[in-house]
Every structure is written in structure tokens, then in C-alpha cells.
Amino acid sequence: MKMLASCMFCSFALAACGGAAPAPAAPAETPAAPATAAAAPSGPIKPIGEATVGDTSKCPVSGEEFVVTADSPKVEHEGKTYYFCCSGCAKKFASDPAKYLTKKD
């Protein structure tokens, strides 16, 4: 009986200590938002077609306010550079600029 109790105790001890508890995970750091959407629009909103890198503007297709970055999708049309919130909007605009330039800002 003592032998059985000893075996059970050892089994329990090995099972309980067999795998050390994992170290607590480090607190999750909040990743920096991507540059294209990171900066919250601030400052005056430049009219569509007049914005440059660093300006806050509106996407001519979606109407979303965003900060223009060097990586922002753009389309040249009739001597102006139009910036977009995403490449999908740039493609839509390129296929029919008049449709989007007649919208009210």
C-alpha cells in the first residue's frame, strides 16, 4: 500500500511539474498604424486635385478624408494630380474621371 501511495505521489508530482508553466506573455504592444492611414486628418482639407504630400484631402471616389503620403495612389488628369485613399479608388477614377469630378465635395 505504501508502495502504491508513493507511486501515485510521484506520478502526481511529475505530472504537475512535468512542464513548467509558460512565462507570462509580455504585454502586447500596440503596433504603429501604417503611414497611409496612420495620421489622423488634421489641418485644413485641401481641395481635390490641389493636395500635395503631407496635406489632408478627400478621396475623389470614396469621399474619405486622409493624409496624402508619398505612397498614396495617384492619377494624373488634365494637368492635376489626384490622390486616393486606396488603389481601388484610383482604378475607378482612372476609368471614368468625369464621373468623380462632377461630384460635390
PDB file of N, CA and C in Angstrom:
ATOM      1  N   MET A   1       0.803  -1.172   0.000  1.00  0.00           N
ATOM      2  CA  MET A   1       0.000   0.000   0.000  1.00  0.00           C
ATOM      3  C   MET A   1       0.865   1.262   0.000  1.00  0.00           C
ATOM      4  N   LYS A   2       1.925   1.240   0.853  1.00  0.00           N
ATOM      5  CA  LYS A   2       2.834   2.375   0.875  1.00  0.00           C
ATOM      6  C   LYS A   2       3.457   2.560  -0.501  1.00  0.00           C
ATOM      7  N   MET A   3       3.756   1.435  -1.142  1.00  0.00           N
ATOM      8  CA  MET A   3       4.365   1.499  -2.469  1.00  0.00           C
ATOM      9  C   MET A   3       3.406   2.166  -3.468  1.00  0.00           C
ATOM     10  N   LEU A   4       2.144   1.793  -3.422  1.00  0.00           N
ATOM     11  CA  LEU A   4       1.138   2.358  -4.312  1.00  0.00           C
ATOM     12  C   LEU A   4       0.983   3.857  -4.051  1.00  0.00           C
ATOM     13  N   ALA A   5       0.941   4.234  -2.794  1.00  0.00           N
ATOM     14  CA  ALA A   5       0.804   5.640  -2.433  1.00  0.00           C
ATOM     15  C   ALA A   5       2.019   6.427  -2.912  1.00  0.00           C
ATOM     16  N   SER A   6       3.209   5.844  -2.749  1.00  0.00           N
ATOM     17  CA  SER A   6       4.433   6.511  -3.193  1.00  0.00           C
ATOM     18  C   SER A   6       4.426   6.692  -4.704  1.00  0.00           C
ATOM     19  N   CYS A   7       4.011   5.669  -5.432  1.00  0.00           N
ATOM     20  CA  CYS A   7       3.956   5.755  -6.906  1.00  0.00           C
ATOM     21  C   CYS A   7       2.955   6.801  -7.354  1.00  0.00           C
ATOM     22  N   MET A   8       1.811   6.826  -6.678  1.00  0.00           N
ATOM     23  CA  MET A   8       0.784   7.812  -7.039  1.00  0.00           C
ATOM     24  C   MET A   8       1.302   9.228  -6.762  1.00  0.00           C
ATOM     25  N   PHE A   9       1.987   9.396  -5.610  1.00  0.00           N
ATOM     26  CA  PHE A   9       2.520  10.708  -5.281  1.00  0.00           C
ATOM     27  C   PHE A   9       3.551  11.156  -6.312  1.00  0.00           C
ATOM     28  N   CYS A  10       4.464  10.238  -6.679  1.00  0.00           N
ATOM     29  CA  CYS A  10       5.498  10.571  -7.665  1.00  0.00           C
ATOM     30  C   CYS A  10       4.877  10.880  -9.025  1.00  0.00           C
ATOM     31  N   SER A  11       3.869  10.110  -9.387  1.00  0.00           N
ATOM     32  CA  SER A  11       3.192  10.353 -10.667  1.00  0.00           C
ATOM     33  C   SER A  11       2.554  11.731 -10.673  1.00  0.00           C
ATOM     34  N   PHE A  12       1.903  12.043  -9.570  1.00  0.00           N
ATOM     35  CA  PHE A  12       1.265  13.346  -9.468  1.00  0.00           C
ATOM     36  C   PHE A  12       2.299  14.461  -9.529  1.00  0.00           C
ATOM     37  N   ALA A  13       3.393  14.282  -8.809  1.00  0.00           N
ATOM     38  CA  ALA A  13       4.442  15.305  -8.774  1.00  0.00           C
ATOM     39  C   ALA A  13       5.044  15.503 -10.159  1.00  0.00           C
ATOM     40  N   LEU A  14       5.285  14.413 -10.855  1.00  0.00           N
ATOM     41  CA  LEU A  14       5.849  14.530 -12.201  1.00  0.00           C
ATOM     42  C   LEU A  14       4.871  15.172 -13.168  1.00  0.00           C
ATOM     43  N   ALA A  15       3.614  14.792 -13.048  1.00  0.00           N
ATOM     44  CA  ALA A  15       2.608  15.363 -13.942  1.00  0.00           C
ATOM     45  C   ALA A  15       2.435  16.852 -13.679  1.00  0.00           C
ATOM     46  N   ALA A  16       2.438  17.211 -12.408  1.00  0.00           N
ATOM     47  CA  ALA A  16       2.226  18.603 -12.052  1.00  0.00           C
ATOM     48  C   ALA A  16       3.432  19.462 -12.418  1.00  0.00           C
ATOM     49  N   CYS A  17       4.636  18.918 -12.290  1.00  0.00           N
ATOM     50  CA  CYS A  17       5.844  19.692 -12.543  1.00  0.00           C
ATOM     51  C   CYS A  17       6.465  19.350 -13.884  1.00  0.00           C
ATOM     52  N   GLY A  18       5.877  18.399 -14.579  1.00  0.00           N
ATOM     53  CA  GLY A  18       6.458  17.929 -15.833  1.00  0.00           C
ATOM     54  C   GLY A  18       6.694  19.027 -16.841  1.00  0.00           C
ATOM     55  N   GLY A  19       5.850  19.951 -16.900  1.00  0.00           N
ATOM     56  CA  GLY A  19       6.029  21.075 -17.825  1.00  0.00           C
ATOM     57  C   GLY A  19       5.906  22.341 -17.029  1.00  0.00           C
ATOM     58  N   ALA A  20       6.967  23.067 -16.984  1.00  0.00           N
ATOM     59  CA  ALA A  20       6.917  24.316 -16.244  1.00  0.00           C
ATOM     60  C   ALA A  20       5.887  25.220 -16.908  1.00  0.00           C
ATOM     61  N   ALA A  21       5.190  25.948 -16.108  1.00  0.00           N
ATOM     62  CA  ALA A  21       4.191  26.868 -16.648  1.00  0.00           C
ATOM     63  C   ALA A  21       4.887  27.864 -17.561  1.00  0.00           C
ATOM     64  N   PRO A  22       4.289  28.159 -18.696  1.00  0.00           N
ATOM     65  CA  PRO A  22       4.922  29.125 -19.600  1.00  0.00           C
ATOM     66  C   PRO A  22       5.013  30.487 -18.936  1.00  0.00           C
ATOM     67  N   ALA A  23       6.057  31.170 -19.264  1.00  0.00           N
ATOM     68  CA  ALA A  23       6.234  32.509 -18.716  1.00  0.00           C
ATOM     69  C   ALA A  23       5.092  33.383 -19.213  1.00  0.00           C
ATOM     70  N   PRO A  24       4.619  34.271 -18.375  1.00  0.00           N
ATOM     71  CA  PRO A  24       3.531  35.141 -18.826  1.00  0.00           C
ATOM     72  C   PRO A  24       3.976  35.935 -20.052  1.00  0.00           C
ATOM     73  N   ALA A  25       3.067  36.064 -20.965  1.00  0.00           N
ATOM     74  CA  ALA A  25       3.377  36.798 -22.194  1.00  0.00           C
ATOM     75  C   ALA A  25       3.584  38.274 -21.884  1.00  0.00           C
ATOM     76  N   ALA A  26       4.506  38.860 -22.594  1.00  0.00           N
ATOM     77  CA  ALA A  26       4.741  40.285 -22.421  1.00  0.00           C
ATOM     78  C   ALA A  26       3.502  41.023 -22.896  1.00  0.00           C
ATOM     79  N   PRO A  27       3.199  42.131 -22.304  1.00  0.00           N
ATOM     80  CA  PRO A  27       2.026  42.888 -22.748  1.00  0.00           C
ATOM     81  C   PRO A  27       2.151  43.202 -24.234  1.00  0.00           C
ATOM     82  N   ALA A  28       1.062  43.029 -24.921  1.00  0.00           N
ATOM     83  CA  ALA A  28       1.068  43.284 -26.364  1.00  0.00           C
ATOM     84  C   ALA A  28       1.250  44.774 -26.602  1.00  0.00           C
ATOM     85  N   GLU A  29       2.184  45.067 -27.460  1.00  0.00           N
ATOM     86  CA  GLU A  29       2.401  46.462 -27.804  1.00  0.00           C
ATOM     87  C   GLU A  29       1.449  46.823 -28.922  1.00  0.00           C
ATOM     88  N   THR A  30       0.975  48.013 -28.885  1.00  0.00           N
ATOM     89  CA  THR A  30       0.096  48.468 -29.952  1.00  0.00           C
ATOM     90  C   THR A  30       0.974  48.805 -31.145  1.00  0.00           C
ATOM     91  N   PRO A  31       0.770  48.104 -32.275  1.00  0.00           N
ATOM     92  CA  PRO A  31       1.607  48.398 -33.437  1.00  0.00           C
ATOM     93  C   PRO A  31       1.289  49.769 -34.005  1.00  0.00           C
ATOM     94  N   ALA A  32       2.295  50.359 -34.565  1.00  0.00           N
ATOM     95  CA  ALA A  32       2.088  51.656 -35.202  1.00  0.00           C
ATOM     96  C   ALA A  32       1.213  51.454 -36.424  1.00  0.00           C
ATOM     97  N   ALA A  33       0.299  52.346 -36.642  1.00  0.00           N
ATOM     98  CA  ALA A  33      -0.588  52.245 -37.806  1.00  0.00           C
ATOM     99  C   ALA A  33       0.198  52.560 -39.063  1.00  0.00           C
ATOM    100  N   PRO A  34      -0.198  52.007 -40.183  1.00  0.00           N
ATOM    101  CA  PRO A  34       0.502  52.286 -41.430  1.00  0.00           C
ATOM    102  C   PRO A  34       0.483  53.774 -41.754  1.00  0.00           C
ATOM    103  N   ALA A  35       1.501  54.229 -42.429  1.00  0.00           N
ATOM    104  CA  ALA A  35       1.619  55.654 -42.734  1.00  0.00           C
ATOM    105  C   ALA A  35       0.464  56.161 -43.577  1.00  0.00           C
ATOM    106  N   THR A  36      -0.078  55.323 -44.452  1.00  0.00           N
ATOM    107  CA  THR A  36      -1.140  55.799 -45.333  1.00  0.00           C
ATOM    108  C   THR A  36      -2.411  56.117 -44.578  1.00  0.00           C
ATOM    109  N   ALA A  37      -2.643  55.425 -43.482  1.00  0.00           N
ATOM    110  CA  ALA A  37      -3.856  55.676 -42.736  1.00  0.00           C
ATOM    111  C   ALA A  37      -3.544  56.128 -41.316  1.00  0.00           C
ATOM    112  N   ALA A  38      -2.273  56.194 -40.974  1.00  0.00           N
ATOM    113  CA  ALA A  38      -1.879  56.445 -39.604  1.00  0.00           C
ATOM    114  C   ALA A  38      -2.254  57.840 -39.147  1.00  0.00           C
ATOM    115  N   ALA A  39      -1.808  58.792 -39.873  1.00  0.00           N
ATOM    116  CA  ALA A  39      -2.013  60.155 -39.435  1.00  0.00           C
ATOM    117  C   ALA A  39      -3.480  60.515 -39.561  1.00  0.00           C
ATOM    118  N   ALA A  40      -4.052  60.880 -38.446  1.00  0.00           N
ATOM    119  CA  ALA A  40      -5.435  61.308 -38.494  1.00  0.00           C
ATOM    120  C   ALA A  40      -5.473  62.620 -39.260  1.00  0.00           C
ATOM    121  N   PRO A  41      -6.467  62.788 -40.081  1.00  0.00           N
ATOM    122  CA  PRO A  41      -6.540  64.043 -40.823  1.00  0.00           C
ATOM    123  C   PRO A  41      -6.493  65.227 -39.871  1.00  0.00           C
ATOM    124  N   SER A  42      -5.627  66.145 -40.174  1.00  0.00           N
ATOM    125  CA  SER A  42      -5.524  67.340 -39.347  1.00  0.00           C
ATOM    126  C   SER A  42      -5.239  68.520 -40.250  1.00  0.00           C
ATOM    127  N   GLY A  43      -5.571  69.671 -39.770  1.00  0.00           N
ATOM    128  CA  GLY A  43      -5.353  70.869 -40.557  1.00  0.00           C
ATOM    129  C   GLY A  43      -6.440  71.038 -41.597  1.00  0.00           C
ATOM    130  N   PRO A  44      -6.326  72.099 -42.375  1.00  0.00           N
ATOM    131  CA  PRO A  44      -7.350  72.364 -43.389  1.00  0.00           C
ATOM    132  C   PRO A  44      -7.331  71.283 -44.474  1.00  0.00           C
ATOM    133  N   ILE A  45      -8.499  70.997 -45.001  1.00  0.00           N
ATOM    134  CA  ILE A  45      -8.610  69.996 -46.065  1.00  0.00           C
ATOM    135  C   ILE A  45      -8.379  70.698 -47.394  1.00  0.00           C
ATOM    136  N   LYS A  46      -7.374  70.213 -48.118  1.00  0.00           N
ATOM    137  CA  LYS A  46      -7.066  70.783 -49.431  1.00  0.00           C
ATOM    138  C   LYS A  46      -8.106  70.300 -50.436  1.00  0.00           C
ATOM    139  N   PRO A  47      -8.497  71.151 -51.358  1.00  0.00           N
ATOM    140  CA  PRO A  47      -9.449  70.725 -52.386  1.00  0.00           C
ATOM    141  C   PRO A  47      -8.887  69.563 -53.215  1.00  0.00           C
ATOM    142  N   ILE A  48      -9.786  68.721 -53.682  1.00  0.00           N
ATOM    143  CA  ILE A  48      -9.405  67.590 -54.522  1.00  0.00           C
ATOM    144  C   ILE A  48      -8.669  68.117 -55.748  1.00  0.00           C
ATOM    145  N   GLY A  49      -7.524  67.519 -56.024  1.00  0.00           N
ATOM    146  CA  GLY A  49      -6.713  67.939 -57.168  1.00  0.00           C
ATOM    147  C   GLY A  49      -5.690  69.009 -56.840  1.00  0.00           C
ATOM    148  N   GLU A  50      -5.705  69.526 -55.611  1.00  0.00           N
ATOM    149  CA  GLU A  50      -4.751  70.568 -55.218  1.00  0.00           C
ATOM    150  C   GLU A  50      -3.840  70.113 -54.078  1.00  0.00           C
ATOM    151  N   ALA A  51      -4.063  68.918 -53.574  1.00  0.00           N
ATOM    152  CA  ALA A  51      -3.281  68.433 -52.438  1.00  0.00           C
ATOM    153  C   ALA A  51      -1.895  67.976 -52.884  1.00  0.00           C
ATOM    154  N   THR A  52      -0.960  68.052 -51.944  1.00  0.00           N
ATOM    155  CA  THR A  52       0.386  67.536 -52.155  1.00  0.00           C
ATOM    156  C   THR A  52       0.732  66.656 -50.950  1.00  0.00           C
ATOM    157  N   VAL A  53       1.860  65.976 -51.009  1.00  0.00           N
ATOM    158  CA  VAL A  53       2.272  65.091 -49.920  1.00  0.00           C
ATOM    159  C   VAL A  53       2.288  65.871 -48.598  1.00  0.00           C
ATOM    160  N   GLY A  54       1.651  65.298 -47.589  1.00  0.00           N
ATOM    161  CA  GLY A  54       1.572  65.923 -46.271  1.00  0.00           C
ATOM    162  C   GLY A  54       0.263  66.649 -46.024  1.00  0.00           C
ATOM    163  N   ASP A  55      -0.489  66.933 -47.085  1.00  0.00           N
ATOM    164  CA  ASP A  55      -1.767  67.631 -46.943  1.00  0.00           C
ATOM    165  C   ASP A  55      -2.889  66.657 -46.591  1.00  0.00           C
ATOM    166  N   THR A  56      -3.919  67.188 -45.967  1.00  0.00           N
ATOM    167  CA  THR A  56      -5.141  66.428 -45.745  1.00  0.00           C
ATOM    168  C   THR A  56      -6.058  66.730 -46.924  1.00  0.00           C
ATOM    169  N   SER A  57      -6.628  65.683 -47.496  1.00  0.00           N
ATOM    170  CA  SER A  57      -7.511  65.848 -48.642  1.00  0.00           C
ATOM    171  C   SER A  57      -8.640  64.832 -48.540  1.00  0.00           C
ATOM    172  N   LYS A  58      -9.512  64.854 -49.530  1.00  0.00           N
ATOM    173  CA  LYS A  58     -10.589  63.875 -49.624  1.00  0.00           C
ATOM    174  C   LYS A  58     -10.361  63.026 -50.854  1.00  0.00           C
ATOM    175  N   CYS A  59     -10.671  61.758 -50.742  1.00  0.00           N
ATOM    176  CA  CYS A  59     -10.592  60.856 -51.887  1.00  0.00           C
ATOM    177  C   CYS A  59     -11.719  61.244 -52.845  1.00  0.00           C
ATOM    178  N   PRO A  60     -11.414  61.483 -54.114  1.00  0.00           N
ATOM    179  CA  PRO A  60     -12.452  61.869 -55.071  1.00  0.00           C
ATOM    180  C   PRO A  60     -13.507  60.783 -55.287  1.00  0.00           C
ATOM    181  N   VAL A  61     -13.184  59.540 -54.978  1.00  0.00           N
ATOM    182  CA  VAL A  61     -14.118  58.438 -55.209  1.00  0.00           C
ATOM    183  C   VAL A  61     -14.941  58.128 -53.960  1.00  0.00           C
ATOM    184  N   SER A  62     -14.269  57.902 -52.825  1.00  0.00           N
ATOM    185  CA  SER A  62     -14.983  57.488 -51.612  1.00  0.00           C
ATOM    186  C   SER A  62     -15.412  58.655 -50.731  1.00  0.00           C
ATOM    187  N   GLY A  63     -14.742  59.794 -50.886  1.00  0.00           N
ATOM    188  CA  GLY A  63     -15.036  60.946 -50.033  1.00  0.00           C
ATOM    189  C   GLY A  63     -14.334  60.880 -48.690  1.00  0.00           C
ATOM    190  N   GLU A  64     -13.532  59.832 -48.470  1.00  0.00           N
ATOM    191  CA  GLU A  64     -12.817  59.649 -47.203  1.00  0.00           C
ATOM    192  C   GLU A  64     -11.716  60.691 -47.060  1.00  0.00           C
ATOM    193  N   GLU A  65     -11.603  61.283 -45.872  1.00  0.00           N
ATOM    194  CA  GLU A  65     -10.512  62.206 -45.593  1.00  0.00           C
ATOM    195  C   GLU A  65      -9.279  61.389 -45.249  1.00  0.00           C
ATOM    196  N   PHE A  66      -8.134  61.812 -45.748  1.00  0.00           N
ATOM    197  CA  PHE A  66      -6.881  61.113 -45.462  1.00  0.00           C
ATOM    198  C   PHE A  66      -5.722  62.074 -45.633  1.00  0.00           C
ATOM    199  N   VAL A  67      -4.574  61.696 -45.081  1.00  0.00           N
ATOM    200  CA  VAL A  67      -3.357  62.482 -45.238  1.00  0.00           C
ATOM    201  C   VAL A  67      -2.587  61.894 -46.417  1.00  0.00           C
ATOM    202  N   VAL A  68      -2.268  62.727 -47.375  1.00  0.00           N
ATOM    203  CA  VAL A  68      -1.538  62.287 -48.566  1.00  0.00           C
ATOM    204  C   VAL A  68      -0.101  61.963 -48.175  1.00  0.00           C
ATOM    205  N   THR A  69       0.356  60.767 -48.562  1.00  0.00           N
ATOM    206  CA  THR A  69       1.740  60.371 -48.322  1.00  0.00           C
ATOM    207  C   THR A  69       2.412  60.119 -49.660  1.00  0.00           C
ATOM    208  N   ALA A  70       3.708  59.928 -49.627  1.00  0.00           N
ATOM    209  CA  ALA A  70       4.444  59.640 -50.857  1.00  0.00           C
ATOM    210  C   ALA A  70       3.965  58.340 -51.494  1.00  0.00           C
ATOM    211  N   ASP A  71       3.389  57.438 -50.682  1.00  0.00           N
ATOM    212  CA  ASP A  71       2.900  56.153 -51.182  1.00  0.00           C
ATOM    213  C   ASP A  71       1.429  56.169 -51.580  1.00  0.00           C
ATOM    214  N   SER A  72       0.753  57.288 -51.390  1.00  0.00           N
ATOM    215  CA  SER A  72      -0.670  57.345 -51.735  1.00  0.00           C
ATOM    216  C   SER A  72      -0.857  57.123 -53.229  1.00  0.00           C
ATOM    217  N   PRO A  73      -1.851  56.298 -53.609  1.00  0.00           N
ATOM    218  CA  PRO A  73      -2.124  56.109 -55.035  1.00  0.00           C
ATOM    219  C   PRO A  73      -2.516  57.452 -55.657  1.00  0.00           C
ATOM    220  N   LYS A  74      -2.100  57.668 -56.902  1.00  0.00           N
ATOM    221  CA  LYS A  74      -2.418  58.935 -57.559  1.00  0.00           C
ATOM    222  C   LYS A  74      -2.648  58.711 -59.044  1.00  0.00           C
ATOM    223  N   VAL A  75      -3.384  59.642 -59.632  1.00  0.00           N
ATOM    224  CA  VAL A  75      -3.653  59.625 -61.076  1.00  0.00           C
ATOM    225  C   VAL A  75      -3.474  61.049 -61.579  1.00  0.00           C
ATOM    226  N   GLU A  76      -2.763  61.182 -62.689  1.00  0.00           N
ATOM    227  CA  GLU A  76      -2.612  62.485 -63.341  1.00  0.00           C
ATOM    228  C   GLU A  76      -3.773  62.631 -64.331  1.00  0.00           C
ATOM    229  N   HIS A  77      -4.459  63.768 -64.279  1.00  0.00           N
ATOM    230  CA  HIS A  77      -5.577  64.012 -65.197  1.00  0.00           C
ATOM    231  C   HIS A  77      -5.666  65.499 -65.489  1.00  0.00           C
ATOM    232  N   GLU A  78      -5.607  65.844 -66.759  1.00  0.00           N
ATOM    233  CA  GLU A  78      -5.707  67.241 -67.213  1.00  0.00           C
ATOM    234  C   GLU A  78      -4.805  68.187 -66.422  1.00  0.00           C
ATOM    235  N   GLY A  79      -3.561  67.789 -66.234  1.00  0.00           N
ATOM    236  CA  GLY A  79      -2.571  68.641 -65.589  1.00  0.00           C
ATOM    237  C   GLY A  79      -2.628  68.674 -64.070  1.00  0.00           C
ATOM    238  N   LYS A  80      -3.511  67.925 -63.460  1.00  0.00           N
ATOM    239  CA  LYS A  80      -3.608  67.892 -61.997  1.00  0.00           C
ATOM    240  C   LYS A  80      -3.298  66.486 -61.507  1.00  0.00           C
ATOM    241  N   THR A  81      -2.810  66.423 -60.279  1.00  0.00           N
ATOM    242  CA  THR A  81      -2.552  65.137 -59.641  1.00  0.00           C
ATOM    243  C   THR A  81      -3.643  64.902 -58.606  1.00  0.00           C
ATOM    244  N   TYR A  82      -4.336  63.795 -58.754  1.00  0.00           N
ATOM    245  CA  TYR A  82      -5.402  63.418 -57.835  1.00  0.00           C
ATOM    246  C   TYR A  82      -4.904  62.262 -56.974  1.00  0.00           C
ATOM    247  N   TYR A  83      -5.026  62.416 -55.655  1.00  0.00           N
ATOM    248  CA  TYR A  83      -4.597  61.382 -54.716  1.00  0.00           C
ATOM    249  C   TYR A  83      -5.818  60.636 -54.185  1.00  0.00           C
ATOM    250  N   PHE A  84      -5.600  59.361 -53.832  1.00  0.00           N
ATOM    251  CA  PHE A  84      -6.696  58.499 -53.416  1.00  0.00           C
ATOM    252  C   PHE A  84      -6.369  57.774 -52.126  1.00  0.00           C
ATOM    253  N   CYS A  85      -7.429  57.359 -51.437  1.00  0.00           N
ATOM    254  CA  CYS A  85      -7.259  56.637 -50.169  1.00  0.00           C
ATOM    255  C   CYS A  85      -6.758  55.222 -50.409  1.00  0.00           C
ATOM    256  N   CYS A  86      -7.019  54.645 -51.591  1.00  0.00           N
ATOM    257  CA  CYS A  86      -6.586  53.279 -51.888  1.00  0.00           C
ATOM    258  C   CYS A  86      -6.448  53.092 -53.400  1.00  0.00           C
ATOM    259  N   SER A  87      -5.779  52.022 -53.788  1.00  0.00           N
ATOM    260  CA  SER A  87      -5.561  51.773 -55.211  1.00  0.00           C
ATOM    261  C   SER A  87      -6.862  51.443 -55.937  1.00  0.00           C
ATOM    262  N   GLY A  88      -7.827  50.858 -55.231  1.00  0.00           N
ATOM    263  CA  GLY A  88      -9.122  50.561 -55.843  1.00  0.00           C
ATOM    264  C   GLY A  88      -9.819  51.830 -56.309  1.00  0.00           C
ATOM    265  N   CYS A  89      -9.768  52.862 -55.499  1.00  0.00           N
ATOM    266  CA  CYS A  89     -10.380  54.145 -55.869  1.00  0.00           C
ATOM    267  C   CYS A  89      -9.631  54.777 -57.038  1.00  0.00           C
ATOM    268  N   ALA A  90      -8.316  54.650 -57.050  1.00  0.00           N
ATOM    269  CA  ALA A  90      -7.528  55.202 -58.158  1.00  0.00           C
ATOM    270  C   ALA A  90      -7.923  54.541 -59.475  1.00  0.00           C
ATOM    271  N   LYS A  91      -8.140  53.224 -59.464  1.00  0.00           N
ATOM    272  CA  LYS A  91      -8.538  52.498 -60.675  1.00  0.00           C
ATOM    273  C   LYS A  91      -9.917  52.938 -61.149  1.00  0.00           C
ATOM    274  N   LYS A  92     -10.845  53.110 -60.210  1.00  0.00           N
ATOM    275  CA  LYS A  92     -12.196  53.562 -60.579  1.00  0.00           C
ATOM    276  C   LYS A  92     -12.135  54.942 -61.219  1.00  0.00           C
ATOM    277  N   PHE A  93     -11.356  55.831 -60.607  1.00  0.00           N
ATOM    278  CA  PHE A  93     -11.226  57.190 -61.129  1.00  0.00           C
ATOM    279  C   PHE A  93     -10.607  57.174 -62.524  1.00  0.00           C
ATOM    280  N   ALA A  94      -9.563  56.404 -62.708  1.00  0.00           N
ATOM    281  CA  ALA A  94      -8.860  56.363 -63.991  1.00  0.00           C
ATOM    282  C   ALA A  94      -9.784  55.885 -65.121  1.00  0.00           C
ATOM    283  N   SER A  95     -10.743  55.031 -64.793  1.00  0.00           N
ATOM    284  CA  SER A  95     -11.637  54.519 -65.827  1.00  0.00           C
ATOM    285  C   SER A  95     -12.699  55.534 -66.249  1.00  0.00           C
ATOM    286  N   ASP A  96     -13.037  56.495 -65.378  1.00  0.00           N
ATOM    287  CA  ASP A  96     -14.057  57.496 -65.712  1.00  0.00           C
ATOM    288  C   ASP A  96     -13.907  58.737 -64.840  1.00  0.00           C
ATOM    289  N   PRO A  97     -12.862  59.554 -65.072  1.00  0.00           N
ATOM    290  CA  PRO A  97     -12.624  60.725 -64.214  1.00  0.00           C
ATOM    291  C   PRO A  97     -13.812  61.687 -64.138  1.00  0.00           C
ATOM    292  N   ALA A  98     -14.503  61.895 -65.244  1.00  0.00           N
ATOM    293  CA  ALA A  98     -15.615  62.853 -65.253  1.00  0.00           C
ATOM    294  C   ALA A  98     -16.699  62.471 -64.250  1.00  0.00           C
ATOM    295  N   LYS A  99     -16.906  61.189 -64.078  1.00  0.00           N
ATOM    296  CA  LYS A  99     -17.923  60.711 -63.130  1.00  0.00           C
ATOM    297  C   LYS A  99     -17.625  61.190 -61.725  1.00  0.00           C
ATOM    298  N   TYR A 100     -16.359  61.238 -61.354  1.00  0.00           N
ATOM    299  CA  TYR A 100     -15.984  61.593 -59.995  1.00  0.00           C
ATOM    300  C   TYR A 100     -15.665  63.073 -59.817  1.00  0.00           C
ATOM    301  N   LEU A 101     -15.327  63.755 -60.879  1.00  0.00           N
ATOM    302  CA  LEU A 101     -15.012  65.174 -60.767  1.00  0.00           C
ATOM    303  C   LEU A 101     -16.264  66.044 -60.755  1.00  0.00           C
ATOM    304  N   THR A 102     -17.398  65.483 -61.132  1.00  0.00           N
ATOM    305  CA  THR A 102     -18.638  66.258 -61.095  1.00  0.00           C
ATOM    306  C   THR A 102     -19.341  66.142 -59.748  1.00  0.00           C
ATOM    307  N   LYS A 103     -18.841  65.263 -58.872  1.00  0.00           N
ATOM    308  CA  LYS A 103     -19.420  65.133 -57.523  1.00  0.00           C
ATOM    309  C   LYS A 103     -19.161  66.412 -56.746  1.00  0.00           C
ATOM    310  N   LYS A 104     -20.074  66.711 -55.845  1.00  0.00           N
ATOM    311  CA  LYS A 104     -19.859  67.838 -54.930  1.00  0.00           C
ATOM    312  C   LYS A 104     -18.898  67.399 -53.848  1.00  0.00           C
ATOM    313  N   ASP A 105     -17.964  68.269 -53.463  1.00  0.00           N
ATOM    314  CA  ASP A 105     -17.001  67.940 -52.395  1.00  0.00           C
ATOM    315  C   ASP A 105     -17.681  68.025 -51.047  1.00  0.00           C
TER     316      ASP A 105
END
